[in-house]
Amino acid sequence: HTTQFAIRQVGLFETVLSLAAEAATERDE
């Protein structure tokens, strides 16, 4: 909800998930 459910209607769902997953790889744990 905080990410805004409407990301799906504007085609951002996969992009936004990808950005967070990429940032996660910067951490050792």
All heavy atoms as atom14 arrays in JSON, in Angstrom:
{
  "sequence": "HTTQFAIRQVGLFETVLSLAAEAATERDE",
  "atom14_mask": [
    [1, 1, 1, 1, 1, 1, 1, 1, 1, 1, 0, 0, 0, 0],
    [1, 1, 1, 1, 1, 1, 1, 0, 0, 0, 0, 0, 0, 0],
    [1, 1, 1, 1, 1, 1, 1, 0, 0, 0, 0, 0, 0, 0],
    [1, 1, 1, 1, 1, 1, 1, 1, 1, 0, 0, 0, 0, 0],
    [1, 1, 1, 1, 1, 1, 1, 1, 1, 1, 1, 0, 0, 0],
    [1, 1, 1, 1, 1, 0, 0, 0, 0, 0, 0, 0, 0, 0],
    [1, 1, 1, 1, 1, 1, 1, 1, 0, 0, 0, 0, 0, 0],
    [1, 1, 1, 1, 1, 1, 1, 1, 1, 1, 1, 0, 0, 0],
    [1, 1, 1, 1, 1, 1, 1, 1, 1, 0, 0, 0, 0, 0],
    [1, 1, 1, 1, 1, 1, 1, 0, 0, 0, 0, 0, 0, 0],
    [1, 1, 1, 1, 0, 0, 0, 0, 0, 0, 0, 0, 0, 0],
    [1, 1, 1, 1, 1, 1, 1, 1, 0, 0, 0, 0, 0, 0],
    [1, 1, 1, 1, 1, 1, 1, 1, 1, 1, 1, 0, 0, 0],
    [1, 1, 1, 1, 1, 1, 1, 1, 1, 0, 0, 0, 0, 0],
    [1, 1, 1, 1, 1, 1, 1, 0, 0, 0, 0, 0, 0, 0],
    [1, 1, 1, 1, 1, 1, 1, 0, 0, 0, 0, 0, 0, 0],
    [1, 1, 1, 1, 1, 1, 1, 1, 0, 0, 0, 0, 0, 0],
    [1, 1, 1, 1, 1, 1, 0, 0, 0, 0, 0, 0, 0, 0],
    [1, 1, 1, 1, 1, 1, 1, 1, 0, 0, 0, 0, 0, 0],
    [1, 1, 1, 1, 1, 0, 0, 0, 0, 0, 0, 0, 0, 0],
    [1, 1, 1, 1, 1, 0, 0, 0, 0, 0, 0, 0, 0, 0],
    [1, 1, 1, 1, 1, 1, 1, 1, 1, 0, 0, 0, 0, 0],
    [1, 1, 1, 1, 1, 0, 0, 0, 0, 0, 0, 0, 0, 0],
    [1, 1, 1, 1, 1, 0, 0, 0, 0, 0, 0, 0, 0, 0],
    [1, 1, 1, 1, 1, 1, 1, 0, 0, 0, 0, 0, 0, 0],
    [1, 1, 1, 1, 1, 1, 1, 1, 1, 0, 0, 0, 0, 0],
    [1, 1, 1, 1, 1, 1, 1, 1, 1, 1, 1, 0, 0, 0],
    [1, 1, 1, 1, 1, 1, 1, 1, 0, 0, 0, 0, 0, 0],
    [1, 1, 1, 1, 1, 1, 1, 1, 1, 0, 0, 0, 0, 0]
  ],
  "atom14_positions": [
    [[0.81, -1.22, 0.0], [0.0, 0.0, 0.0], [0.85, 1.27, 0.0], [0.57, 2.22, -0.74], [-0.93, 0.01, 1.21], [-1.72, 1.27, 1.36], [-1.4, 2.24, 2.28], [-2.81, 1.73, 0.69], [-2.25, 3.24, 2.18], [-3.11, 2.96, 1.23], [0.0, 0.0, 0.0], [0.0, 0.0, 0.0], [0.0, 0.0, 0.0], [0.0, 0.0, 0.0]],
    [[1.91, 1.29, 0.82], [2.75, 2.48, 0.9], [3.46, 2.75, -0.42], [3.81, 3.9, -0.71], [3.77, 2.32, 2.06], [3.08, 1.91, 3.23], [4.49, 3.61, 2.35], [0.0, 0.0, 0.0], [0.0, 0.0, 0.0], [0.0, 0.0, 0.0], [0.0, 0.0, 0.0], [0.0, 0.0, 0.0], [0.0, 0.0, 0.0], [0.0, 0.0, 0.0]],
    [[3.7, 1.71, -1.21], [4.32, 1.87, -2.54], [3.32, 2.4, -3.56], [3.73, 2.79, -4.67], [4.89, 0.53, -3.03], [5.42, -0.22, -1.94], [6.0, 0.75, -4.05], [0.0, 0.0, 0.0], [0.0, 0.0, 0.0], [0.0, 0.0, 0.0], [0.0, 0.0, 0.0], [0.0, 0.0, 0.0], [0.0, 0.0, 0.0], [0.0, 0.0, 0.0]],
    [[2.04, 2.38, -3.2], [0.9, 2.76, -4.04], [0.53, 1.61, -4.99], [1.29, 1.26, -5.9], [1.16, 4.06, -4.83], [1.47, 5.24, -3.91], [1.77, 6.51, -4.65], [1.01, 6.95, -5.52], [2.9, 7.11, -4.32], [0.0, 0.0, 0.0], [0.0, 0.0, 0.0], [0.0, 0.0, 0.0], [0.0, 0.0, 0.0], [0.0, 0.0, 0.0]],
    [[-0.65, 1.08, -4.77], [-1.11, -0.04, -5.58], [-1.19, 0.3, -7.06], [-1.1, -0.56, -7.93], [-2.48, -0.52, -5.1], [-2.43, -1.22, -3.76], [-3.4, -0.96, -2.8], [-1.43, -2.13, -3.44], [-3.38, -1.59, -1.57], [-1.4, -2.77, -2.21], [-2.37, -2.5, -1.27], [0.0, 0.0, 0.0], [0.0, 0.0, 0.0], [0.0, 0.0, 0.0]],
    [[-1.34, 1.6, -7.38], [-1.48, 2.03, -8.77], [-0.21, 1.84, -9.59], [-0.23, 2.04, -10.81], [-1.93, 3.49, -8.84], [0.0, 0.0, 0.0], [0.0, 0.0, 0.0], [0.0, 0.0, 0.0], [0.0, 0.0, 0.0], [0.0, 0.0, 0.0], [0.0, 0.0, 0.0], [0.0, 0.0, 0.0], [0.0, 0.0, 0.0], [0.0, 0.0, 0.0]],
    [[0.9, 1.44, -8.96], [2.1, 1.15, -9.77], [1.8, 0.07, -10.8], [2.46, 0.01, -11.85], [3.31, 0.73, -8.9], [3.0, -0.49, -8.04], [3.81, 1.9, -8.06], [4.21, -1.07, -7.33], [0.0, 0.0, 0.0], [0.0, 0.0, 0.0], [0.0, 0.0, 0.0], [0.0, 0.0, 0.0], [0.0, 0.0, 0.0], [0.0, 0.0, 0.0]],
    [[0.81, -0.74, -10.53], [0.46, -1.8, -11.47], [-0.19, -1.23, -12.72], [0.05, -1.72, -13.83], [-0.46, -2.81, -10.79], [0.25, -3.59, -9.67], [-0.69, -4.03, -8.58], [-0.04, -4.9, -7.61], [0.61, -4.44, -6.52], [0.65, -3.14, -6.26], [1.17, -5.3, -5.7], [0.0, 0.0, 0.0], [0.0, 0.0, 0.0], [0.0, 0.0, 0.0]],
    [[-1.02, -0.23, -12.55], [-1.72, 0.36, -13.69], [-0.78, 1.18, -14.58], [-1.06, 1.36, -15.77], [-2.87, 1.26, -13.2], [-4.12, 0.51, -12.75], [-3.92, -0.24, -11.45], [-3.61, 0.38, -10.43], [-4.09, -1.55, -11.46], [0.0, 0.0, 0.0], [0.0, 0.0, 0.0], [0.0, 0.0, 0.0], [0.0, 0.0, 0.0], [0.0, 0.0, 0.0]],
    [[0.32, 1.68, -14.01], [1.23, 2.5, -14.81], [2.49, 1.73, -15.2], [3.46, 2.31, -15.69], [1.62, 3.79, -14.05], [0.39, 4.66, -13.83], [2.3, 3.49, -12.72], [0.0, 0.0, 0.0], [0.0, 0.0, 0.0], [0.0, 0.0, 0.0], [0.0, 0.0, 0.0], [0.0, 0.0, 0.0], [0.0, 0.0, 0.0], [0.0, 0.0, 0.0]],
    [[2.48, 0.41, -15.02], [3.57, -0.43, -15.5], [4.86, -0.34, -14.71], [5.94, -0.61, -15.26], [0.0, 0.0, 0.0], [0.0, 0.0, 0.0], [0.0, 0.0, 0.0], [0.0, 0.0, 0.0], [0.0, 0.0, 0.0], [0.0, 0.0, 0.0], [0.0, 0.0, 0.0], [0.0, 0.0, 0.0], [0.0, 0.0, 0.0], [0.0, 0.0, 0.0]],
    [[4.78, -0.02, -13.41], [5.99, 0.14, -12.61], [6.24, -0.99, -11.62], [7.24, -0.99, -10.92], [5.93, 1.47, -11.84], [6.13, 2.75, -12.64], [5.97, 3.97, -11.73], [7.5, 2.77, -13.32], [0.0, 0.0, 0.0], [0.0, 0.0, 0.0], [0.0, 0.0, 0.0], [0.0, 0.0, 0.0], [0.0, 0.0, 0.0], [0.0, 0.0, 0.0]],
    [[5.33, -1.95, -11.55], [5.45, -2.98, -10.52], [6.8, -3.69, -10.58], [7.55, -3.72, -9.6], [4.3, -3.99, -10.67], [4.33, -5.11, -9.68], [3.94, -4.9, -8.36], [4.74, -6.39, -10.05], [3.96, -5.95, -7.44], [4.77, -7.43, -9.13], [4.37, -7.21, -7.82], [0.0, 0.0, 0.0], [0.0, 0.0, 0.0], [0.0, 0.0, 0.0]],
    [[7.13, -4.23, -11.72], [8.38, -4.99, -11.83], [9.6, -4.09, -11.68], [10.6, -4.47, -11.04], [8.43, -5.74, -13.17], [9.61, -6.68, -13.29], [9.49, -7.63, -14.48], [8.43, -7.62, -15.15], [10.44, -8.39, -14.71], [0.0, 0.0, 0.0], [0.0, 0.0, 0.0], [0.0, 0.0, 0.0], [0.0, 0.0, 0.0], [0.0, 0.0, 0.0]],
    [[9.53, -2.89, -12.22], [10.66, -1.96, -12.13], [10.97, -1.6, -10.7], [12.13, -1.61, -10.27], [10.35, -0.68, -12.93], [10.11, -1.02, -14.3], [11.5, 0.31, -12.85], [0.0, 0.0, 0.0], [0.0, 0.0, 0.0], [0.0, 0.0, 0.0], [0.0, 0.0, 0.0], [0.0, 0.0, 0.0], [0.0, 0.0, 0.0], [0.0, 0.0, 0.0]],
    [[9.93, -1.28, -9.93], [10.14, -0.87, -8.54], [10.66, -2.04, -7.7], [11.55, -1.87, -6.86], [8.82, -0.3, -7.97], [8.92, -0.08, -6.48], [8.48, 1.02, -8.66], [0.0, 0.0, 0.0], [0.0, 0.0, 0.0], [0.0, 0.0, 0.0], [0.0, 0.0, 0.0], [0.0, 0.0, 0.0], [0.0, 0.0, 0.0], [0.0, 0.0, 0.0]],
    [[10.11, -3.23, -7.92], [10.63, -4.39, -7.22], [12.09, -4.64, -7.56], [12.91, -4.99, -6.7], [9.79, -5.63, -7.56], [8.69, -6.02, -6.56], [7.63, -4.93, -6.47], [8.06, -7.35, -6.93], [0.0, 0.0, 0.0], [0.0, 0.0, 0.0], [0.0, 0.0, 0.0], [0.0, 0.0, 0.0], [0.0, 0.0, 0.0], [0.0, 0.0, 0.0]],
    [[12.44, -4.45, -8.83], [13.83, -4.68, -9.26], [14.81, -3.73, -8.59], [15.91, -4.14, -8.18], [13.93, -4.52, -10.78], [13.18, -5.49, -11.47], [0.0, 0.0, 0.0], [0.0, 0.0, 0.0], [0.0, 0.0, 0.0], [0.0, 0.0, 0.0], [0.0, 0.0, 0.0], [0.0, 0.0, 0.0], [0.0, 0.0, 0.0], [0.0, 0.0, 0.0]],
    [[14.42, -2.46, -8.46], [15.31, -1.48, -7.85], [15.62, -1.84, -6.4], [16.76, -1.73, -5.96], [14.69, -0.08, -7.93], [14.67, 0.56, -9.32], [13.8, 1.81, -9.32], [16.09, 0.89, -9.77], [0.0, 0.0, 0.0], [0.0, 0.0, 0.0], [0.0, 0.0, 0.0], [0.0, 0.0, 0.0], [0.0, 0.0, 0.0], [0.0, 0.0, 0.0]],
    [[14.61, -2.27, -5.65], [14.85, -2.66, -4.27], [15.72, -3.91, -4.2], [16.61, -4.02, -3.34], [13.53, -2.88, -3.55], [0.0, 0.0, 0.0], [0.0, 0.0, 0.0], [0.0, 0.0, 0.0], [0.0, 0.0, 0.0], [0.0, 0.0, 0.0], [0.0, 0.0, 0.0], [0.0, 0.0, 0.0], [0.0, 0.0, 0.0], [0.0, 0.0, 0.0]],
    [[15.48, -4.86, -5.09], [16.27, -6.08, -5.1], [17.73, -5.78, -5.43], [18.65, -6.39, -4.85], [15.7, -7.08, -6.11], [0.0, 0.0, 0.0], [0.0, 0.0, 0.0], [0.0, 0.0, 0.0], [0.0, 0.0, 0.0], [0.0, 0.0, 0.0], [0.0, 0.0, 0.0], [0.0, 0.0, 0.0], [0.0, 0.0, 0.0], [0.0, 0.0, 0.0]],
    [[17.96, -4.83, -6.33], [19.33, -4.44, -6.66], [20.02, -3.79, -5.46], [21.19, -4.06, -5.17], [19.32, -3.48, -7.85], [18.94, -4.14, -9.17], [18.65, -3.11, -10.26], [18.93, -1.91, -10.04], [18.14, -3.51, -11.32], [0.0, 0.0, 0.0], [0.0, 0.0, 0.0], [0.0, 0.0, 0.0], [0.0, 0.0, 0.0], [0.0, 0.0, 0.0]],
    [[19.31, -2.92, -4.76], [19.89, -2.28, -3.57], [20.23, -3.31, -2.52], [21.22, -3.18, -1.79], [18.92, -1.23, -3.02], [0.0, 0.0, 0.0], [0.0, 0.0, 0.0], [0.0, 0.0, 0.0], [0.0, 0.0, 0.0], [0.0, 0.0, 0.0], [0.0, 0.0, 0.0], [0.0, 0.0, 0.0], [0.0, 0.0, 0.0], [0.0, 0.0, 0.0]],
    [[19.42, -4.36, -2.42], [19.66, -5.4, -1.43], [20.97, -6.12, -1.68], [21.62, -6.59, -0.73], [18.51, -6.39, -1.43], [0.0, 0.0, 0.0], [0.0, 0.0, 0.0], [0.0, 0.0, 0.0], [0.0, 0.0, 0.0], [0.0, 0.0, 0.0], [0.0, 0.0, 0.0], [0.0, 0.0, 0.0], [0.0, 0.0, 0.0], [0.0, 0.0, 0.0]],
    [[21.39, -6.22, -2.94], [22.63, -6.92, -3.25], [23.86, -6.14, -2.79], [24.96, -6.69, -2.75], [22.75, -7.19, -4.76], [22.83, -5.95, -5.47], [21.56, -7.99, -5.27], [0.0, 0.0, 0.0], [0.0, 0.0, 0.0], [0.0, 0.0, 0.0], [0.0, 0.0, 0.0], [0.0, 0.0, 0.0], [0.0, 0.0, 0.0], [0.0, 0.0, 0.0]],
    [[23.68, -4.87, -2.45], [24.8, -4.05, -1.97], [25.16, -4.37, -0.51], [26.19, -3.94, -0.03], [24.46, -2.56, -2.1], [24.19, -2.11, -3.53], [23.71, -0.66, -3.62], [23.59, -0.01, -2.55], [23.44, -0.19, -4.73], [0.0, 0.0, 0.0], [0.0, 0.0, 0.0], [0.0, 0.0, 0.0], [0.0, 0.0, 0.0], [0.0, 0.0, 0.0]],
    [[24.29, -5.09, 0.17], [24.52, -5.41, 1.57], [25.22, -6.77, 1.71], [24.98, -7.68, 0.92], [23.19, -5.47, 2.34], [22.31, -4.27, 2.16], [22.96, -2.97, 2.61], [23.28, -2.98, 4.04], [23.82, -1.95, 4.68], [24.14, -0.85, 4.02], [24.06, -2.01, 5.98], [0.0, 0.0, 0.0], [0.0, 0.0, 0.0], [0.0, 0.0, 0.0]],
    [[26.06, -6.87, 2.72], [26.74, -8.15, 2.97], [25.75, -9.22, 3.4], [25.87, -10.38, 3.01], [27.82, -7.97, 4.03], [28.99, -7.12, 3.54], [29.21, -7.09, 2.31], [29.65, -6.49, 4.38], [0.0, 0.0, 0.0], [0.0, 0.0, 0.0], [0.0, 0.0, 0.0], [0.0, 0.0, 0.0], [0.0, 0.0, 0.0], [0.0, 0.0, 0.0]],
    [[24.79, -8.84, 4.22], [23.78, -9.78, 4.69], [22.48, -9.52, 3.95], [21.95, -8.41, 3.99], [23.56, -9.64, 6.2], [24.77, -10.06, 7.02], [24.45, -10.08, 8.5], [23.28, -9.87, 8.86], [25.37, -10.3, 9.29], [0.0, 0.0, 0.0], [0.0, 0.0, 0.0], [0.0, 0.0, 0.0], [0.0, 0.0, 0.0], [0.0, 0.0, 0.0]]
  ]
}
